[in-house]
């Protein structure tokens, strides 16, 4: 239930963003698309969509980069998970993955917060600050049952 709330807060914050998205500067200006590092074009994998990141606004480019960094870290952790032999190792790696994903969501919200603040969008900034605070400092319910992963970890290193 706790995770659903955070995801919904993040989705609401992203969905309510209606401010200008800062179009990228023209190609001939510093910081424009001509200065952006060019990634080698790879054909999209099945189910993926190809995107030219040079056409993204600065905010969306930062978000794209943050999500890509998170994806790469999760991919590395997943490879470690698949090689792990003990349940305790797998549990520890799964917890690392959860932390990377949570930190990735926080990073995206912080990017949006910087742009909302710079544009003077106080109401949006307040909503984003609330979402970030809730994700950084989750309140535990009075009665909290252990998760499936916590139960698996306490069952011993099978």
N, C-alpha and C. Protein backbone atom coordinates (compact mmCIF):
# COMPACT_ATOMS: atom_id res chain seq x y z
N UNK A 1 0.83 -1.19 0.00
CA UNK A 1 0.00 0.00 0.00
C UNK A 1 0.87 1.25 0.00
N UNK A 2 1.95 1.21 0.78
CA UNK A 2 2.83 2.37 0.91
C UNK A 2 3.44 2.72 -0.45
N UNK A 3 3.91 1.72 -1.19
CA UNK A 3 4.54 1.94 -2.48
C UNK A 3 3.54 2.54 -3.48
N UNK A 4 2.28 2.05 -3.46
CA UNK A 4 1.25 2.58 -4.36
C UNK A 4 1.06 4.08 -4.15
N UNK A 5 1.08 4.49 -2.89
CA UNK A 5 0.87 5.90 -2.57
C UNK A 5 1.97 6.75 -3.18
N UNK A 6 3.22 6.33 -3.04
CA UNK A 6 4.34 7.10 -3.57
C UNK A 6 4.30 7.17 -5.09
N UNK A 7 3.99 6.05 -5.71
CA UNK A 7 3.91 6.04 -7.17
C UNK A 7 2.80 6.97 -7.62
N UNK A 8 1.66 6.94 -6.91
CA UNK A 8 0.56 7.82 -7.29
C UNK A 8 0.94 9.28 -7.11
N UNK A 9 1.66 9.60 -6.01
CA UNK A 9 2.09 10.98 -5.79
C UNK A 9 3.00 11.42 -6.92
N UNK A 10 3.96 10.56 -7.27
CA UNK A 10 4.89 10.90 -8.36
C UNK A 10 4.14 11.07 -9.68
N UNK A 11 3.19 10.18 -9.94
CA UNK A 11 2.43 10.28 -11.19
C UNK A 11 1.57 11.54 -11.20
N UNK A 12 0.98 11.88 -10.06
CA UNK A 12 0.15 13.08 -10.00
C UNK A 12 1.01 14.31 -10.22
N UNK A 13 2.19 14.32 -9.62
CA UNK A 13 3.07 15.48 -9.79
C UNK A 13 3.46 15.64 -11.24
N UNK A 14 3.80 14.52 -11.88
CA UNK A 14 4.19 14.59 -13.29
C UNK A 14 3.00 14.97 -14.17
N UNK A 15 1.83 14.42 -13.85
CA UNK A 15 0.65 14.68 -14.68
C UNK A 15 0.15 16.11 -14.54
N UNK A 16 0.39 16.71 -13.38
CA UNK A 16 -0.12 18.07 -13.19
C UNK A 16 0.85 19.12 -13.69
N UNK A 17 2.02 18.71 -14.15
CA UNK A 17 2.99 19.67 -14.69
C UNK A 17 2.42 20.26 -15.96
N UNK A 18 2.11 21.55 -15.92
CA UNK A 18 1.53 22.17 -17.11
C UNK A 18 2.33 23.39 -17.53
N UNK A 19 3.45 23.59 -16.90
CA UNK A 19 4.26 24.76 -17.22
C UNK A 19 5.01 24.57 -18.52
N UNK A 20 5.63 25.64 -18.98
CA UNK A 20 6.43 25.51 -20.19
C UNK A 20 7.56 24.54 -19.94
N UNK A 21 7.95 23.84 -20.94
CA UNK A 21 8.97 22.82 -20.79
C UNK A 21 10.32 23.28 -21.31
N UNK A 22 10.50 24.58 -21.40
CA UNK A 22 11.78 25.16 -21.82
C UNK A 22 12.28 24.49 -23.10
N UNK A 23 11.88 25.01 -24.19
CA UNK A 23 12.37 24.47 -25.45
C UNK A 23 13.88 24.59 -25.48
N UNK A 24 14.50 23.64 -26.11
CA UNK A 24 15.96 23.64 -26.21
C UNK A 24 16.41 24.86 -26.99
N UNK A 25 17.59 25.42 -26.64
CA UNK A 25 18.09 26.57 -27.38
C UNK A 25 18.38 26.18 -28.83
N UNK A 26 18.38 27.16 -29.72
CA UNK A 26 18.68 26.85 -31.11
C UNK A 26 20.04 26.16 -31.25
N UNK A 27 20.20 25.38 -32.31
CA UNK A 27 21.39 24.57 -32.51
C UNK A 27 22.67 25.39 -32.53
N UNK A 28 22.61 26.65 -32.96
CA UNK A 28 23.82 27.45 -33.08
C UNK A 28 24.19 28.16 -31.78
N UNK A 29 23.39 28.02 -30.70
CA UNK A 29 23.70 28.65 -29.42
C UNK A 29 24.38 27.64 -28.50
N UNK A 30 25.24 28.13 -27.58
CA UNK A 30 25.86 27.22 -26.63
C UNK A 30 24.79 26.47 -25.83
N UNK A 31 25.00 25.20 -25.66
CA UNK A 31 24.03 24.38 -24.93
C UNK A 31 22.92 23.87 -25.82
N UNK A 32 22.93 24.25 -27.09
CA UNK A 32 21.91 23.79 -28.02
C UNK A 32 22.16 22.36 -28.44
N UNK A 33 21.27 21.81 -29.26
CA UNK A 33 21.39 20.43 -29.68
C UNK A 33 22.74 20.08 -30.31
N UNK A 34 23.38 21.05 -30.94
CA UNK A 34 24.66 20.75 -31.57
C UNK A 34 25.72 20.42 -30.53
N UNK A 35 25.58 20.94 -29.28
CA UNK A 35 26.53 20.66 -28.22
C UNK A 35 26.22 19.38 -27.47
N UNK A 36 25.02 18.85 -27.64
CA UNK A 36 24.63 17.65 -26.91
C UNK A 36 25.43 16.45 -27.41
N UNK A 37 25.88 15.61 -26.47
CA UNK A 37 26.59 14.42 -26.92
C UNK A 37 25.66 13.55 -27.74
N UNK A 38 26.15 13.05 -28.82
CA UNK A 38 25.33 12.23 -29.71
C UNK A 38 25.50 10.78 -29.33
N UNK A 39 24.39 10.13 -29.06
CA UNK A 39 24.43 8.70 -28.75
C UNK A 39 24.29 7.94 -30.04
N UNK A 40 25.01 6.85 -30.11
CA UNK A 40 24.91 6.02 -31.30
C UNK A 40 23.48 5.51 -31.44
N UNK A 41 22.97 5.61 -32.64
CA UNK A 41 21.61 5.15 -32.88
C UNK A 41 21.60 3.63 -32.91
N UNK A 42 20.79 3.05 -32.07
CA UNK A 42 20.61 1.62 -32.06
C UNK A 42 19.18 1.34 -32.45
N UNK A 43 18.97 0.30 -33.23
CA UNK A 43 17.58 -0.02 -33.56
C UNK A 43 16.84 -0.38 -32.28
N UNK A 44 15.60 0.08 -32.15
CA UNK A 44 14.86 -0.22 -30.93
C UNK A 44 14.62 -1.71 -30.79
N UNK A 45 14.67 -2.18 -29.53
CA UNK A 45 14.36 -3.58 -29.26
C UNK A 45 12.86 -3.75 -29.35
N UNK A 46 12.43 -4.98 -29.45
CA UNK A 46 11.00 -5.25 -29.56
C UNK A 46 10.26 -4.64 -28.37
N UNK A 47 9.22 -3.88 -28.64
CA UNK A 47 8.42 -3.25 -27.61
C UNK A 47 8.94 -1.90 -27.16
N UNK A 48 10.10 -1.46 -27.66
CA UNK A 48 10.67 -0.17 -27.29
C UNK A 48 10.38 0.86 -28.38
N UNK A 49 10.47 2.11 -28.00
CA UNK A 49 10.25 3.20 -28.93
C UNK A 49 11.56 3.94 -29.11
N UNK A 50 11.90 4.27 -30.35
CA UNK A 50 13.12 5.01 -30.62
C UNK A 50 12.86 6.49 -30.35
N UNK A 51 13.87 7.19 -29.76
CA UNK A 51 13.69 8.59 -29.43
C UNK A 51 15.00 9.33 -29.71
N UNK A 52 14.90 10.48 -30.32
CA UNK A 52 16.06 11.33 -30.54
C UNK A 52 16.15 12.27 -29.36
N UNK A 53 17.08 12.00 -28.44
CA UNK A 53 17.16 12.78 -27.20
C UNK A 53 17.60 14.21 -27.45
N UNK A 54 18.14 14.50 -28.61
CA UNK A 54 18.58 15.87 -28.91
C UNK A 54 17.39 16.82 -29.04
N UNK A 55 16.20 16.29 -29.27
CA UNK A 55 15.01 17.14 -29.43
C UNK A 55 14.25 17.36 -28.12
N UNK A 56 14.76 16.82 -27.03
CA UNK A 56 14.08 16.98 -25.75
C UNK A 56 14.38 18.36 -25.16
N UNK A 57 13.43 18.85 -24.38
CA UNK A 57 13.66 20.09 -23.63
C UNK A 57 14.74 19.80 -22.58
N UNK A 58 15.37 20.84 -22.04
CA UNK A 58 16.39 20.60 -21.02
C UNK A 58 15.86 19.79 -19.83
N UNK A 59 14.65 20.09 -19.37
CA UNK A 59 14.10 19.33 -18.25
C UNK A 59 13.92 17.87 -18.62
N UNK A 60 13.33 17.63 -19.77
CA UNK A 60 13.11 16.25 -20.18
C UNK A 60 14.42 15.53 -20.45
N UNK A 61 15.43 16.25 -20.91
CA UNK A 61 16.75 15.63 -21.13
C UNK A 61 17.35 15.20 -19.80
N UNK A 62 17.23 16.05 -18.77
CA UNK A 62 17.73 15.67 -17.45
C UNK A 62 16.98 14.45 -16.92
N UNK A 63 15.67 14.44 -17.10
CA UNK A 63 14.87 13.30 -16.65
C UNK A 63 15.28 12.04 -17.41
N UNK A 64 15.45 12.16 -18.72
CA UNK A 64 15.87 11.03 -19.53
C UNK A 64 17.19 10.48 -19.03
N UNK A 65 18.16 11.35 -18.79
CA UNK A 65 19.47 10.92 -18.32
C UNK A 65 19.39 10.24 -16.95
N UNK A 66 18.56 10.79 -16.05
CA UNK A 66 18.40 10.19 -14.72
C UNK A 66 17.77 8.80 -14.83
N UNK A 67 16.77 8.67 -15.68
CA UNK A 67 16.10 7.37 -15.85
C UNK A 67 17.06 6.36 -16.49
N UNK A 68 17.85 6.82 -17.45
CA UNK A 68 18.83 5.92 -18.08
C UNK A 68 19.88 5.45 -17.08
N UNK A 69 20.33 6.34 -16.21
CA UNK A 69 21.30 5.96 -15.18
C UNK A 69 20.69 4.92 -14.24
N UNK A 70 19.45 5.16 -13.83
CA UNK A 70 18.75 4.21 -12.97
C UNK A 70 18.61 2.86 -13.67
N UNK A 71 18.22 2.88 -14.93
CA UNK A 71 18.03 1.63 -15.68
C UNK A 71 19.32 0.83 -15.74
N UNK A 72 20.43 1.50 -15.99
CA UNK A 72 21.73 0.82 -16.09
C UNK A 72 22.12 0.21 -14.74
N UNK A 73 21.88 0.95 -13.66
CA UNK A 73 22.21 0.43 -12.33
C UNK A 73 21.35 -0.78 -11.98
N UNK A 74 20.06 -0.72 -12.30
CA UNK A 74 19.16 -1.85 -12.03
C UNK A 74 19.57 -3.05 -12.88
N UNK A 75 19.95 -2.81 -14.11
CA UNK A 75 20.39 -3.91 -14.98
C UNK A 75 21.62 -4.61 -14.39
N UNK A 76 22.59 -3.84 -13.89
CA UNK A 76 23.78 -4.43 -13.26
C UNK A 76 23.39 -5.23 -12.01
N UNK A 77 22.51 -4.66 -11.20
CA UNK A 77 22.08 -5.36 -10.00
C UNK A 77 21.31 -6.63 -10.35
N UNK A 78 20.51 -6.58 -11.40
CA UNK A 78 19.76 -7.76 -11.81
C UNK A 78 20.71 -8.89 -12.24
N UNK A 79 21.78 -8.52 -12.93
CA UNK A 79 22.77 -9.53 -13.31
C UNK A 79 23.40 -10.17 -12.08
N UNK A 80 23.71 -9.34 -11.06
CA UNK A 80 24.24 -9.88 -9.80
C UNK A 80 23.22 -10.79 -9.14
N UNK A 81 21.95 -10.37 -9.18
CA UNK A 81 20.88 -11.15 -8.57
C UNK A 81 20.80 -12.53 -9.20
N UNK A 82 20.89 -12.58 -10.52
CA UNK A 82 20.78 -13.85 -11.22
C UNK A 82 21.96 -14.78 -10.92
N UNK A 83 23.11 -14.20 -10.58
CA UNK A 83 24.29 -15.02 -10.24
C UNK A 83 24.34 -15.40 -8.76
N UNK A 84 23.57 -14.71 -7.92
CA UNK A 84 23.61 -14.97 -6.48
C UNK A 84 23.08 -16.36 -6.18
N UNK A 85 23.74 -17.02 -5.21
CA UNK A 85 23.35 -18.38 -4.88
C UNK A 85 22.46 -18.45 -3.64
N UNK A 86 22.73 -17.61 -2.67
CA UNK A 86 22.00 -17.67 -1.41
C UNK A 86 20.82 -16.70 -1.39
N UNK A 87 19.78 -17.10 -0.67
CA UNK A 87 18.59 -16.26 -0.55
C UNK A 87 18.94 -14.93 0.11
N UNK A 88 19.85 -14.94 1.07
CA UNK A 88 20.25 -13.69 1.74
C UNK A 88 20.91 -12.73 0.75
N UNK A 89 21.73 -13.26 -0.14
CA UNK A 89 22.35 -12.41 -1.17
C UNK A 89 21.29 -11.82 -2.07
N UNK A 90 20.36 -12.67 -2.49
CA UNK A 90 19.30 -12.20 -3.38
C UNK A 90 18.45 -11.13 -2.71
N UNK A 91 18.15 -11.33 -1.42
CA UNK A 91 17.37 -10.35 -0.68
C UNK A 91 18.11 -9.01 -0.61
N UNK A 92 19.39 -9.06 -0.30
CA UNK A 92 20.19 -7.83 -0.21
C UNK A 92 20.22 -7.10 -1.55
N UNK A 93 20.37 -7.84 -2.64
CA UNK A 93 20.40 -7.23 -3.97
C UNK A 93 19.05 -6.64 -4.31
N UNK A 94 17.97 -7.36 -3.97
CA UNK A 94 16.61 -6.84 -4.22
C UNK A 94 16.39 -5.54 -3.47
N UNK A 95 16.89 -5.47 -2.24
CA UNK A 95 16.76 -4.24 -1.47
C UNK A 95 17.55 -3.10 -2.11
N UNK A 96 18.72 -3.43 -2.68
CA UNK A 96 19.49 -2.41 -3.41
C UNK A 96 18.71 -1.91 -4.61
N UNK A 97 18.06 -2.84 -5.32
CA UNK A 97 17.26 -2.46 -6.49
C UNK A 97 16.13 -1.53 -6.06
N UNK A 98 15.45 -1.87 -4.97
CA UNK A 98 14.37 -1.02 -4.47
C UNK A 98 14.88 0.37 -4.14
N UNK A 99 16.06 0.46 -3.52
CA UNK A 99 16.64 1.75 -3.16
C UNK A 99 16.99 2.55 -4.41
N UNK A 100 17.55 1.89 -5.42
CA UNK A 100 17.91 2.57 -6.67
C UNK A 100 16.65 3.12 -7.33
N UNK A 101 15.59 2.32 -7.36
CA UNK A 101 14.33 2.76 -7.98
C UNK A 101 13.73 3.94 -7.21
N UNK A 102 13.72 3.85 -5.87
CA UNK A 102 13.20 4.94 -5.06
C UNK A 102 14.02 6.21 -5.29
N UNK A 103 15.34 6.07 -5.25
CA UNK A 103 16.21 7.23 -5.47
C UNK A 103 16.02 7.81 -6.87
N UNK A 104 15.76 6.94 -7.84
CA UNK A 104 15.51 7.41 -9.20
C UNK A 104 14.24 8.24 -9.29
N UNK A 105 13.19 7.78 -8.59
CA UNK A 105 11.93 8.56 -8.59
C UNK A 105 12.14 9.90 -7.91
N UNK A 106 12.89 9.89 -6.82
CA UNK A 106 13.17 11.13 -6.11
C UNK A 106 13.96 12.08 -7.01
N UNK A 107 14.94 11.53 -7.74
CA UNK A 107 15.75 12.37 -8.64
C UNK A 107 14.88 13.05 -9.69
N UNK A 108 13.93 12.31 -10.26
CA UNK A 108 13.04 12.89 -11.28
C UNK A 108 12.18 13.99 -10.66
N UNK A 109 11.65 13.74 -9.48
CA UNK A 109 10.84 14.76 -8.82
C UNK A 109 11.68 15.99 -8.48
N UNK A 110 12.93 15.79 -8.07
CA UNK A 110 13.80 16.92 -7.75
C UNK A 110 14.12 17.75 -9.00
N UNK A 111 14.26 17.09 -10.13
CA UNK A 111 14.47 17.82 -11.38
C UNK A 111 13.25 18.68 -11.67
N UNK A 112 12.06 18.08 -11.57
CA UNK A 112 10.83 18.83 -11.80
C UNK A 112 10.70 19.98 -10.81
N UNK A 113 11.10 19.75 -9.56
CA UNK A 113 11.03 20.79 -8.53
C UNK A 113 11.93 21.97 -8.90
N UNK A 114 13.13 21.70 -9.37
CA UNK A 114 14.04 22.79 -9.76
C UNK A 114 13.41 23.65 -10.85
N UNK A 115 12.81 23.02 -11.84
CA UNK A 115 12.20 23.79 -12.93
C UNK A 115 10.96 24.53 -12.46
N UNK A 116 10.14 23.90 -11.62
CA UNK A 116 8.94 24.58 -11.10
C UNK A 116 9.34 25.79 -10.27
N UNK A 117 10.36 25.64 -9.45
CA UNK A 117 10.82 26.75 -8.61
C UNK A 117 11.38 27.88 -9.47
N UNK A 118 12.18 27.53 -10.48
CA UNK A 118 12.77 28.54 -11.35
C UNK A 118 11.70 29.32 -12.12
N UNK A 119 10.58 28.66 -12.39
CA UNK A 119 9.50 29.32 -13.13
C UNK A 119 8.50 30.00 -12.21
N UNK A 120 8.74 29.95 -10.90
CA UNK A 120 7.83 30.61 -9.97
C UNK A 120 6.50 29.89 -9.81
N UNK A 121 6.47 28.60 -10.05
CA UNK A 121 5.25 27.81 -9.91
C UNK A 121 5.17 27.26 -8.49
N UNK A 122 4.78 28.13 -7.55
CA UNK A 122 4.82 27.82 -6.12
C UNK A 122 3.93 26.62 -5.76
N UNK A 123 2.73 26.56 -6.31
CA UNK A 123 1.82 25.46 -5.97
C UNK A 123 2.40 24.12 -6.43
N UNK A 124 2.92 24.09 -7.64
CA UNK A 124 3.52 22.86 -8.15
C UNK A 124 4.76 22.50 -7.34
N UNK A 125 5.57 23.49 -7.00
CA UNK A 125 6.78 23.25 -6.20
C UNK A 125 6.39 22.65 -4.84
N UNK A 126 5.34 23.16 -4.24
CA UNK A 126 4.89 22.65 -2.94
C UNK A 126 4.44 21.19 -3.06
N UNK A 127 3.70 20.87 -4.13
CA UNK A 127 3.26 19.49 -4.33
C UNK A 127 4.47 18.56 -4.52
N UNK A 128 5.43 19.02 -5.29
CA UNK A 128 6.63 18.20 -5.53
C UNK A 128 7.44 18.04 -4.24
N UNK A 129 7.57 19.10 -3.46
CA UNK A 129 8.28 19.00 -2.19
C UNK A 129 7.61 18.00 -1.26
N UNK A 130 6.27 18.01 -1.23
CA UNK A 130 5.52 17.07 -0.40
C UNK A 130 5.77 15.64 -0.86
N UNK A 131 5.74 15.42 -2.17
CA UNK A 131 5.98 14.08 -2.71
C UNK A 131 7.40 13.61 -2.39
N UNK A 132 8.37 14.50 -2.54
CA UNK A 132 9.76 14.15 -2.26
C UNK A 132 9.93 13.80 -0.78
N UNK A 133 9.36 14.62 0.08
CA UNK A 133 9.45 14.39 1.52
C UNK A 133 8.81 13.05 1.89
N UNK A 134 7.67 12.74 1.31
CA UNK A 134 6.99 11.48 1.61
C UNK A 134 7.83 10.28 1.17
N UNK A 135 8.53 10.42 0.07
CA UNK A 135 9.36 9.31 -0.41
C UNK A 135 10.64 9.18 0.40
N UNK A 136 11.19 10.30 0.84
CA UNK A 136 12.43 10.25 1.63
C UNK A 136 12.18 9.80 3.07
N UNK A 137 11.03 10.13 3.61
CA UNK A 137 10.71 9.83 5.00
C UNK A 137 9.34 9.19 5.12
N UNK A 138 9.21 7.96 4.65
CA UNK A 138 7.89 7.31 4.72
C UNK A 138 7.49 7.07 6.16
N UNK A 139 6.22 7.29 6.42
CA UNK A 139 5.69 7.03 7.76
C UNK A 139 5.24 5.57 7.80
N UNK A 140 5.73 4.88 8.79
CA UNK A 140 5.34 3.48 8.93
C UNK A 140 3.98 3.41 9.62
N UNK A 141 3.16 2.51 9.15
CA UNK A 141 1.86 2.33 9.80
C UNK A 141 2.07 1.66 11.15
N UNK A 142 1.09 1.80 12.04
CA UNK A 142 1.22 1.23 13.38
C UNK A 142 1.30 -0.29 13.32
N UNK A 143 0.53 -0.89 12.44
CA UNK A 143 0.55 -2.33 12.27
C UNK A 143 1.12 -2.59 10.89
N UNK A 144 2.33 -3.10 10.87
CA UNK A 144 2.99 -3.32 9.60
C UNK A 144 3.39 -4.78 9.49
N UNK A 145 2.79 -5.48 8.55
CA UNK A 145 3.14 -6.88 8.33
C UNK A 145 4.42 -6.95 7.50
N UNK A 146 5.23 -7.97 7.73
CA UNK A 146 6.46 -8.09 6.93
C UNK A 146 6.12 -8.37 5.46
N UNK A 147 6.96 -7.84 4.59
CA UNK A 147 6.76 -8.08 3.16
C UNK A 147 7.20 -9.50 2.82
N UNK A 148 6.87 -9.95 1.62
CA UNK A 148 7.26 -11.27 1.17
C UNK A 148 8.78 -11.42 1.21
N UNK A 149 9.50 -10.37 0.78
CA UNK A 149 10.96 -10.43 0.79
C UNK A 149 11.49 -10.52 2.21
N UNK A 150 10.90 -9.78 3.14
CA UNK A 150 11.34 -9.85 4.54
C UNK A 150 11.08 -11.24 5.12
N UNK A 151 9.92 -11.83 4.78
CA UNK A 151 9.63 -13.19 5.26
C UNK A 151 10.64 -14.17 4.67
N UNK A 152 10.99 -14.01 3.39
CA UNK A 152 11.94 -14.92 2.75
C UNK A 152 13.32 -14.78 3.41
N UNK A 153 13.71 -13.58 3.77
CA UNK A 153 15.00 -13.36 4.41
C UNK A 153 15.07 -13.97 5.79
N UNK A 154 13.96 -13.96 6.52
CA UNK A 154 13.96 -14.52 7.88
C UNK A 154 13.84 -16.03 7.87
N UNK A 155 13.50 -16.62 6.71
CA UNK A 155 13.37 -18.07 6.60
C UNK A 155 14.73 -18.74 6.54
N UNK A 156 15.79 -17.95 6.46
CA UNK A 156 17.14 -18.53 6.39
C UNK A 156 17.64 -18.51 4.98
N UNK A 157 18.89 -18.69 4.79
CA UNK A 157 19.53 -18.60 3.47
C UNK A 157 19.33 -19.83 2.63
N UNK A 158 18.11 -20.14 2.29
CA UNK A 158 17.83 -21.31 1.45
C UNK A 158 18.24 -21.07 0.04
